[in-house]
Protein backbone atom coordinates (compact mmCIF):
# COMPACT_ATOMS: atom_id res chain seq x y z
CA MET A 1 -5.20 6.14 50.05
CA LYS A 2 -2.62 2.96 49.33
CA LYS A 3 -3.56 0.51 51.90
CA ASN A 4 -0.49 -2.02 52.18
CA TYR A 5 -0.63 -5.58 54.05
CA VAL A 6 2.20 -8.79 54.49
CA THR A 7 1.67 -12.36 53.33
CA GLU A 8 3.31 -15.27 52.53
CA ALA A 9 3.04 -16.01 49.42
CA ILE A 10 4.66 -19.14 46.68
CA ASN A 11 5.61 -17.95 43.02
CA LEU A 12 4.34 -19.77 40.16
CA LYS A 13 5.44 -17.97 36.62
CA SER A 14 6.21 -13.96 35.41
CA TYR A 15 5.78 -12.33 32.89
CA PRO A 16 7.53 -9.02 31.56
CA LEU A 17 5.34 -5.67 31.98
CA ASN A 18 7.86 -3.16 30.70
CA ASP A 19 12.09 -2.88 29.76
CA ASN A 20 12.79 -3.13 33.78
CA ASP A 21 9.30 -4.35 35.40
CA SER A 22 7.50 -7.95 35.60
CA ILE A 23 4.46 -8.81 36.50
CA VAL A 24 4.58 -12.03 39.73
CA VAL A 25 2.13 -14.85 39.70
CA MET A 26 1.34 -16.35 43.33
CA PHE A 27 -0.92 -17.86 45.31
CA SER A 28 -1.03 -16.41 48.76
CA LYS A 29 -1.73 -17.61 51.99
CA SER A 30 -4.38 -15.22 53.08
CA ARG A 31 -5.98 -14.02 49.02
CA GLY A 32 -5.50 -17.02 47.20
CA LEU A 33 -4.24 -16.66 43.82
CA ILE A 34 -2.77 -12.80 42.72
CA SER A 35 -0.58 -11.33 40.42
CA ALA A 36 2.23 -8.24 41.54
CA VAL A 37 3.90 -5.99 40.15
CA ALA A 38 8.09 -6.63 40.72
CA LYS A 39 9.06 -2.75 40.09
CA GLY A 40 12.63 -2.59 39.01
CA VAL A 41 12.83 -6.34 39.21
CA LYS A 42 15.21 -6.09 35.68
CA ARG A 43 17.88 -3.89 37.22
CA PRO A 44 21.38 -5.92 37.56
CA LYS A 45 20.95 -4.55 41.60
CA SER A 46 17.70 -4.69 42.17
CA LYS A 47 16.56 -6.13 45.53
CA LEU A 48 13.56 -7.94 44.41
CA GLY A 49 15.26 -9.93 41.51
CA ALA A 50 16.27 -13.24 42.68
CA ARG A 51 13.22 -13.24 45.51
CA ALA A 52 10.93 -12.90 42.29
CA GLN A 53 11.69 -16.20 40.82
CA MET A 54 9.77 -18.88 40.36
CA PHE A 55 8.93 -21.79 43.00
CA ILE A 56 9.96 -19.09 45.65
CA ALA A 57 8.17 -19.04 48.83
CA ASN A 58 8.33 -14.72 50.15
CA ARG A 59 7.19 -12.91 52.89
CA LEU A 60 5.65 -9.79 50.78
CA LEU A 61 4.56 -6.30 52.40
CA MET A 62 2.45 -5.43 49.22
CA SER A 63 0.84 -2.21 48.52
CA GLU A 64 -2.76 -2.25 46.57
CA GLY A 65 -3.56 -0.99 43.42
CA LYS A 66 -6.54 -0.18 41.31
CA ASN A 67 -6.09 -3.17 38.67
CA LEU A 68 -2.96 -4.48 39.84
CA ASP A 69 -1.15 -4.69 44.27
CA THR A 70 2.44 -4.03 44.02
CA ILE A 71 5.43 -5.71 45.32
CA GLY A 72 7.13 -3.62 48.29
CA GLU A 73 9.93 -5.58 50.12
CA ALA A 74 10.31 -9.87 49.89
CA GLN A 75 12.30 -11.01 52.90
CA SER A 76 12.71 -15.20 51.15
CA LEU A 77 11.64 -17.54 53.08
CA ASN A 78 12.05 -21.28 50.87
CA THR A 79 13.92 -21.25 47.67
CA PHE A 80 13.16 -24.81 46.83
CA SER A 81 16.82 -24.28 45.13
CA LYS A 82 17.08 -28.17 44.34
CA ILE A 83 14.48 -28.01 41.90
CA ARG A 84 15.82 -25.53 39.53
CA SER A 85 19.16 -28.33 39.26
CA ASN A 86 16.96 -31.24 37.95
CA LEU A 87 14.93 -31.12 35.23
CA ASP A 88 12.49 -33.50 36.15
CA LYS A 89 12.29 -32.04 39.30
CA LEU A 90 11.55 -28.61 37.11
CA SER A 91 9.21 -29.82 34.61
CA TYR A 92 6.48 -31.81 37.49
CA SER A 93 6.92 -28.03 39.43
CA MET A 94 5.79 -26.39 36.19
CA TYR A 95 2.73 -27.98 35.55
CA LEU A 96 2.31 -27.83 39.22
CA ALA A 97 1.35 -23.53 39.46
CA GLU A 98 0.51 -24.72 36.25
CA CYS A 99 -2.38 -26.05 37.89
CA VAL A 100 -3.40 -24.29 39.99
CA ASN A 101 -3.09 -21.50 37.55
CA ASN A 102 -5.96 -22.91 35.53
CA PHE A 103 -8.01 -24.29 38.64
CA CYS A 104 -7.75 -21.62 41.04
CA SER A 105 -8.13 -18.31 38.85
CA ASN A 106 -11.71 -18.96 37.91
CA ASN A 107 -13.09 -21.86 40.33
CA TYR A 108 -11.62 -20.45 43.49
CA ASN A 109 -13.95 -18.56 45.56
CA LYS A 110 -11.99 -15.92 47.29
CA ASP A 111 -14.03 -15.32 50.03
CA GLU A 112 -12.68 -18.43 51.74
CA ASN A 113 -10.09 -19.73 53.58
CA PRO A 114 -7.00 -19.56 51.01
CA GLU A 115 -4.43 -21.50 53.65
CA GLU A 116 -5.16 -24.42 53.49
CA ILE A 117 -3.94 -24.66 49.60
CA TYR A 118 -0.81 -22.39 50.19
CA LYS A 119 0.01 -25.81 52.47
CA LEU A 120 -0.15 -27.32 49.67
CA ILE A 121 1.85 -26.22 47.14
CA TYR A 122 4.47 -25.39 50.13
CA SER A 123 4.58 -29.05 51.55
CA ALA A 124 4.22 -29.90 47.61
CA TYR A 125 7.51 -27.94 46.32
CA GLU A 126 9.55 -28.73 49.76
CA LYS A 127 9.20 -32.37 48.63
CA MET A 128 9.46 -31.73 44.93
CA ALA A 129 13.31 -30.37 46.08
CA GLY A 130 14.31 -33.21 47.73
CA SER A 131 13.31 -36.21 46.20
CA ASN A 132 16.24 -38.46 44.85
CA THR A 133 14.41 -40.22 42.32
CA LYS A 134 12.08 -40.00 39.22
CA GLU A 135 9.49 -42.07 40.98
CA GLU A 136 10.03 -39.66 44.08
CA ILE A 137 8.95 -36.70 42.61
CA LEU A 138 5.68 -38.71 40.33
CA LEU A 139 4.48 -39.87 43.92
CA CYS A 140 4.56 -35.89 44.67
CA VAL A 141 2.88 -34.85 41.43
CA LEU A 142 0.43 -37.43 42.31
CA LYS A 143 -0.55 -36.38 45.69
CA PHE A 144 -0.60 -32.94 44.79
CA GLN A 145 -3.09 -33.82 42.53
CA LEU A 146 -4.88 -35.34 44.41
CA LYS A 147 -4.82 -33.23 47.56
CA LEU A 148 -5.84 -30.21 45.29
CA LEU A 149 -8.89 -32.06 43.48
CA ASN A 150 -9.70 -32.49 47.42
CA ILE A 151 -9.65 -29.27 48.27
CA LEU A 152 -11.99 -27.64 45.85
CA GLY A 153 -14.80 -30.17 46.01
CA TRP A 154 -13.80 -32.17 42.93
CA GLY A 155 -12.26 -34.96 44.43
CA ILE A 156 -12.71 -38.97 42.77
CA ASP A 157 -14.68 -41.64 44.78
CA PHE A 158 -12.31 -44.24 43.81
CA ASN A 159 -15.15 -47.05 46.18
CA THR A 160 -19.16 -46.07 44.58
CA CYS A 161 -19.86 -46.56 41.58
CA GLY A 162 -21.34 -43.10 40.10
CA HIS A 163 -24.50 -43.43 38.67
CA CYS A 164 -25.95 -47.01 40.80
CA GLN A 165 -24.04 -46.33 44.07
CA LYS A 166 -22.67 -49.56 44.37
CA LYS A 167 -19.78 -50.35 46.04
CA LEU A 168 -16.92 -50.82 43.38
CA ASP A 169 -15.20 -54.14 43.11
CA GLU A 170 -12.29 -56.55 40.43
CA ASN A 171 -14.44 -54.86 37.07
CA SER A 172 -14.67 -50.93 37.01
CA TYR A 173 -14.28 -48.09 34.95
CA PHE A 174 -13.35 -44.22 34.66
CA SER A 175 -16.36 -42.72 32.23
CA PHE A 176 -14.99 -39.33 31.65
CA SER A 177 -18.31 -37.61 30.61
CA ILE A 178 -19.92 -38.22 33.65
CA ASN A 179 -16.02 -38.16 35.78
CA SER A 180 -16.20 -40.89 37.73
CA PHE A 181 -16.34 -44.52 38.20
CA LEU A 182 -18.56 -47.06 36.98
CA CYS A 183 -19.47 -50.93 38.23
CA ASP A 184 -19.19 -53.49 35.44
CA SER A 185 -22.97 -53.26 35.02
CA CYS A 186 -23.15 -49.39 34.13
CA TYR A 187 -20.04 -49.95 32.46
CA LYS A 188 -22.36 -51.69 29.32
CA ASN A 189 -24.91 -48.64 29.17
CA GLU A 190 -22.01 -46.33 29.25
CA THR A 191 -22.32 -44.60 24.88
CA GLY A 192 -19.18 -41.96 26.52
CA GLU A 193 -14.98 -42.52 27.31
CA ALA A 194 -14.04 -45.16 29.98
CA LEU A 195 -11.27 -46.33 31.05
CA ARG A 196 -11.22 -49.87 32.71
CA ILE A 197 -9.17 -49.83 35.87
CA HIS A 198 -6.72 -51.81 37.68
CA ASN A 199 -8.11 -53.20 41.03
CA LYS A 200 -4.90 -52.07 42.78
CA ILE A 201 -4.17 -48.69 40.09
CA ARG A 202 -8.02 -47.57 42.08
CA LEU A 203 -6.67 -49.09 45.36
CA PHE A 204 -3.27 -47.52 45.07
CA LEU A 205 -4.61 -43.66 43.97
CA ASN A 206 -7.74 -43.82 46.86
CA GLU A 207 -4.29 -44.64 49.53
CA LEU A 208 -2.91 -41.24 47.55
CA SER A 209 -5.83 -39.47 48.46
CA ILE A 210 -7.41 -40.45 51.45
CA CYS A 211 -3.93 -40.74 53.01
CA ASP A 212 -1.70 -37.21 54.65
CA PHE A 213 0.28 -36.09 51.54
CA SER A 214 3.66 -36.51 54.17
CA VAL A 215 3.05 -39.29 55.02
CA LYS A 216 4.57 -42.23 53.67
CA THR A 217 2.01 -44.92 52.42
CA MET A 218 2.69 -49.00 52.01
CA TYR A 219 2.54 -48.34 47.81
CA ASP A 220 5.80 -45.35 47.94
CA ASP A 221 8.78 -48.12 47.63
CA VAL A 222 7.24 -50.43 45.53
CA VAL A 223 5.35 -49.03 42.82
CA ASN A 224 6.71 -49.03 39.33
CA MET A 225 7.82 -46.57 36.64
CA ILE A 226 4.99 -47.93 35.05
CA VAL A 227 2.80 -47.02 36.70
CA LEU A 228 3.57 -44.18 38.21
CA GLU A 229 3.11 -42.36 35.26
CA LYS A 230 -0.26 -44.02 33.30
CA CYS A 231 -1.39 -43.27 36.59
CA PHE A 232 -0.62 -39.38 36.33
CA ASN A 233 -1.43 -38.99 32.70
CA PHE A 234 -4.63 -40.37 34.15
CA MET A 235 -5.18 -37.53 37.01
CA LYS A 236 -3.79 -34.85 34.09
CA LYS A 237 -6.56 -36.41 31.46
CA TYR A 238 -9.34 -35.83 33.95
CA MET A 239 -7.79 -32.60 35.73
CA ASP A 240 -7.73 -31.42 32.45
CA ASN A 241 -11.28 -32.26 31.31
CA LEU A 242 -12.49 -30.61 34.41
CA THR A 243 -10.85 -26.84 33.82
CA HIS A 244 -11.72 -27.60 29.76
CA LYS A 245 -7.33 -26.08 29.59
CA ARG A 246 -5.07 -29.31 27.74
CA THR A 247 -2.30 -28.19 30.37
CA LYS A 248 0.96 -27.42 27.99
CA ILE A 249 3.58 -29.11 29.89
CA PHE A 250 4.31 -32.63 29.03
CA LYS A 251 2.12 -33.62 26.13
CA THR A 252 4.62 -36.67 25.51
CA LEU A 253 3.10 -38.24 28.34
CA GLU A 254 -0.55 -38.42 26.98
CA ALA A 255 0.76 -41.42 25.80
CA GLY A 256 0.07 -45.29 26.60
CA ILE A 257 -2.86 -43.27 28.12
CA SER A 258 -5.14 -47.40 29.09
CA ILE A 259 -4.19 -48.09 32.30
């Protein structure tokens, strides 16, 4: 006998199953990353049609299946409509969805409570929708990258050398071979790829990492686009290295990685 359950979930992507049905990939508040069948969603009069689009938060009545669950009913909670009216917002929202899919599909422990990640995704899309400038969009993305890694236990230590454990000073480097910062002395013995990180950049990223997502930091109004794009490229490369997957969005932004 099929069991029904109710959950809140945010749509991350969808793809066709057949002429009438689609599979929607969502992050659920109670069950983490899930895929479910939206039956008849392609029909003109489908009640699920609009609610199955990307970047919509729904309250769902779900029916468990042998391989895939099925969406029975959907009540929209937030459409984040302004994301779809701006190309930058749409592109970076797709990047966030890809990050969630890459990190949570294999590595996330479904026995743990996924509510914290759900709230982070919701907050990020809400902030993304309300952003007025490219700078605000990138700040939102950076905070999301850092917060997601912290939740999953892969956050970066911005204050300590990964080799000698000494406190970092103005001269520091990030090693992609050990995924950690290095002091000037330990960097001299590093044989893998490493980047020199300007002290102000390190302090900026550390501030974004430790502050609450909704809190405005002392950097928000003064940081410029060049710094934001280079920080994004750095974080993207770090996250790609962790998952051993190259995110498909923004390949052109990888140029100029040195910071």
